[in-house]
């Protein structure tokens, strides 16, 4: 069983299983100030997330 973080600094927007993959869409601050369990989201991950978001917007229009 994973450790439960006492400070839940994120909000689940959507979750689904596609084939054998679990996809979660969530929001959280880049830096939560919870140094016990949270890590800062690196810039490379931020950029990848934005790229995926913009690609999804382009495909849906």
C-alpha atoms as a PDB file:
ATOM      1  CA  UNK A   1       0.000   0.000   0.000  1.00  0.00           C
ATOM      2  CA  UNK A   2       1.440   3.430  -0.897  1.00  0.00           C
ATOM      3  CA  UNK A   3       2.073   6.000   1.813  1.00  0.00           C
ATOM      4  CA  UNK A   4      -0.817   8.463   2.134  1.00  0.00           C
ATOM      5  CA  UNK A   5       0.322  12.070   1.959  1.00  0.00           C
ATOM      6  CA  UNK A   6      -1.351  14.054   4.753  1.00  0.00           C
ATOM      7  CA  UNK A   7      -1.251  17.177   2.558  1.00  0.00           C
ATOM      8  CA  UNK A   8      -3.317  16.471  -0.570  1.00  0.00           C
ATOM      9  CA  UNK A   9      -2.137  19.324  -2.814  1.00  0.00           C
ATOM     10  CA  UNK A  10      -3.793  18.218  -6.043  1.00  0.00           C
ATOM     11  CA  UNK A  11      -7.239  17.918  -7.590  1.00  0.00           C
ATOM     12  CA  UNK A  12      -8.278  15.031  -9.852  1.00  0.00           C
ATOM     13  CA  UNK A  13     -10.164  16.292 -12.912  1.00  0.00           C
ATOM     14  CA  UNK A  14     -10.569  13.032 -14.851  1.00  0.00           C
ATOM     15  CA  UNK A  15      -9.451   9.425 -14.766  1.00  0.00           C
ATOM     16  CA  UNK A  16      -9.856   6.558 -17.217  1.00  0.00           C
ATOM     17  CA  UNK A  17      -8.304   3.309 -18.372  1.00  0.00           C
ATOM     18  CA  UNK A  18      -7.339   3.024 -22.033  1.00  0.00           C
ATOM     19  CA  UNK A  19      -6.262  -0.500 -23.011  1.00  0.00           C
ATOM     20  CA  UNK A  20      -3.746  -1.315 -20.273  1.00  0.00           C
ATOM     21  CA  UNK A  21      -2.946   2.306 -19.341  1.00  0.00           C
ATOM     22  CA  UNK A  22      -4.396   4.503 -16.618  1.00  0.00           C
ATOM     23  CA  UNK A  23      -4.722   8.172 -17.581  1.00  0.00           C
ATOM     24  CA  UNK A  24      -5.201  10.819 -14.894  1.00  0.00           C
ATOM     25  CA  UNK A  25      -5.846  14.495 -15.550  1.00  0.00           C
ATOM     26  CA  UNK A  26      -5.151  16.605 -12.492  1.00  0.00           C
ATOM     27  CA  UNK A  27      -4.064  20.062 -11.396  1.00  0.00           C
ATOM     28  CA  UNK A  28      -1.614  21.066  -8.710  1.00  0.00           C
ATOM     29  CA  UNK A  29       0.851  23.840  -8.014  1.00  0.00           C
ATOM     30  CA  UNK A  30       4.292  23.464  -9.555  1.00  0.00           C
ATOM     31  CA  UNK A  31       5.793  23.950  -6.098  1.00  0.00           C
ATOM     32  CA  UNK A  32       3.565  22.844  -3.226  1.00  0.00           C
ATOM     33  CA  UNK A  33       5.964  23.635  -0.346  1.00  0.00           C
ATOM     34  CA  UNK A  34       5.309  20.087   0.929  1.00  0.00           C
ATOM     35  CA  UNK A  35       8.901  18.887   1.025  1.00  0.00           C
ATOM     36  CA  UNK A  36       8.028  15.600   2.711  1.00  0.00           C
ATOM     37  CA  UNK A  37       6.385  13.835  -0.252  1.00  0.00           C
ATOM     38  CA  UNK A  38       5.959  16.283  -3.146  1.00  0.00           C
ATOM     39  CA  UNK A  39       8.580  17.181  -5.700  1.00  0.00           C
ATOM     40  CA  UNK A  40       8.755  20.284  -7.861  1.00  0.00           C
ATOM     41  CA  UNK A  41       7.546  19.568 -11.392  1.00  0.00           C
ATOM     42  CA  UNK A  42      10.564  20.157 -13.667  1.00  0.00           C
ATOM     43  CA  UNK A  43      10.335  22.571 -16.606  1.00  0.00           C
ATOM     44  CA  UNK A  44      10.712  19.734 -19.142  1.00  0.00           C
ATOM     45  CA  UNK A  45       7.555  18.054 -17.767  1.00  0.00           C
ATOM     46  CA  UNK A  46       5.697  21.384 -17.736  1.00  0.00           C
ATOM     47  CA  UNK A  47       6.563  21.923 -21.401  1.00  0.00           C
ATOM     48  CA  UNK A  48       5.534  18.377 -22.341  1.00  0.00           C
ATOM     49  CA  UNK A  49       2.185  18.830 -20.580  1.00  0.00           C
ATOM     50  CA  UNK A  50       1.527  22.114 -22.376  1.00  0.00           C
ATOM     51  CA  UNK A  51       2.442  20.570 -25.728  1.00  0.00           C
ATOM     52  CA  UNK A  52       0.017  17.690 -25.157  1.00  0.00           C
ATOM     53  CA  UNK A  53      -2.688  20.165 -24.122  1.00  0.00           C
ATOM     54  CA  UNK A  54      -2.243  22.297 -27.247  1.00  0.00           C
ATOM     55  CA  UNK A  55      -2.129  19.219 -29.504  1.00  0.00           C
ATOM     56  CA  UNK A  56      -5.409  18.016 -27.990  1.00  0.00           C
ATOM     57  CA  UNK A  57      -6.987  21.439 -28.576  1.00  0.00           C
ATOM     58  CA  UNK A  58      -5.800  21.423 -32.197  1.00  0.00           C
ATOM     59  CA  UNK A  59      -7.165  17.914 -32.833  1.00  0.00           C
ATOM     60  CA  UNK A  60     -10.562  18.725 -31.343  1.00  0.00           C
ATOM     61  CA  UNK A  61     -11.113  21.866 -33.440  1.00  0.00           C
END
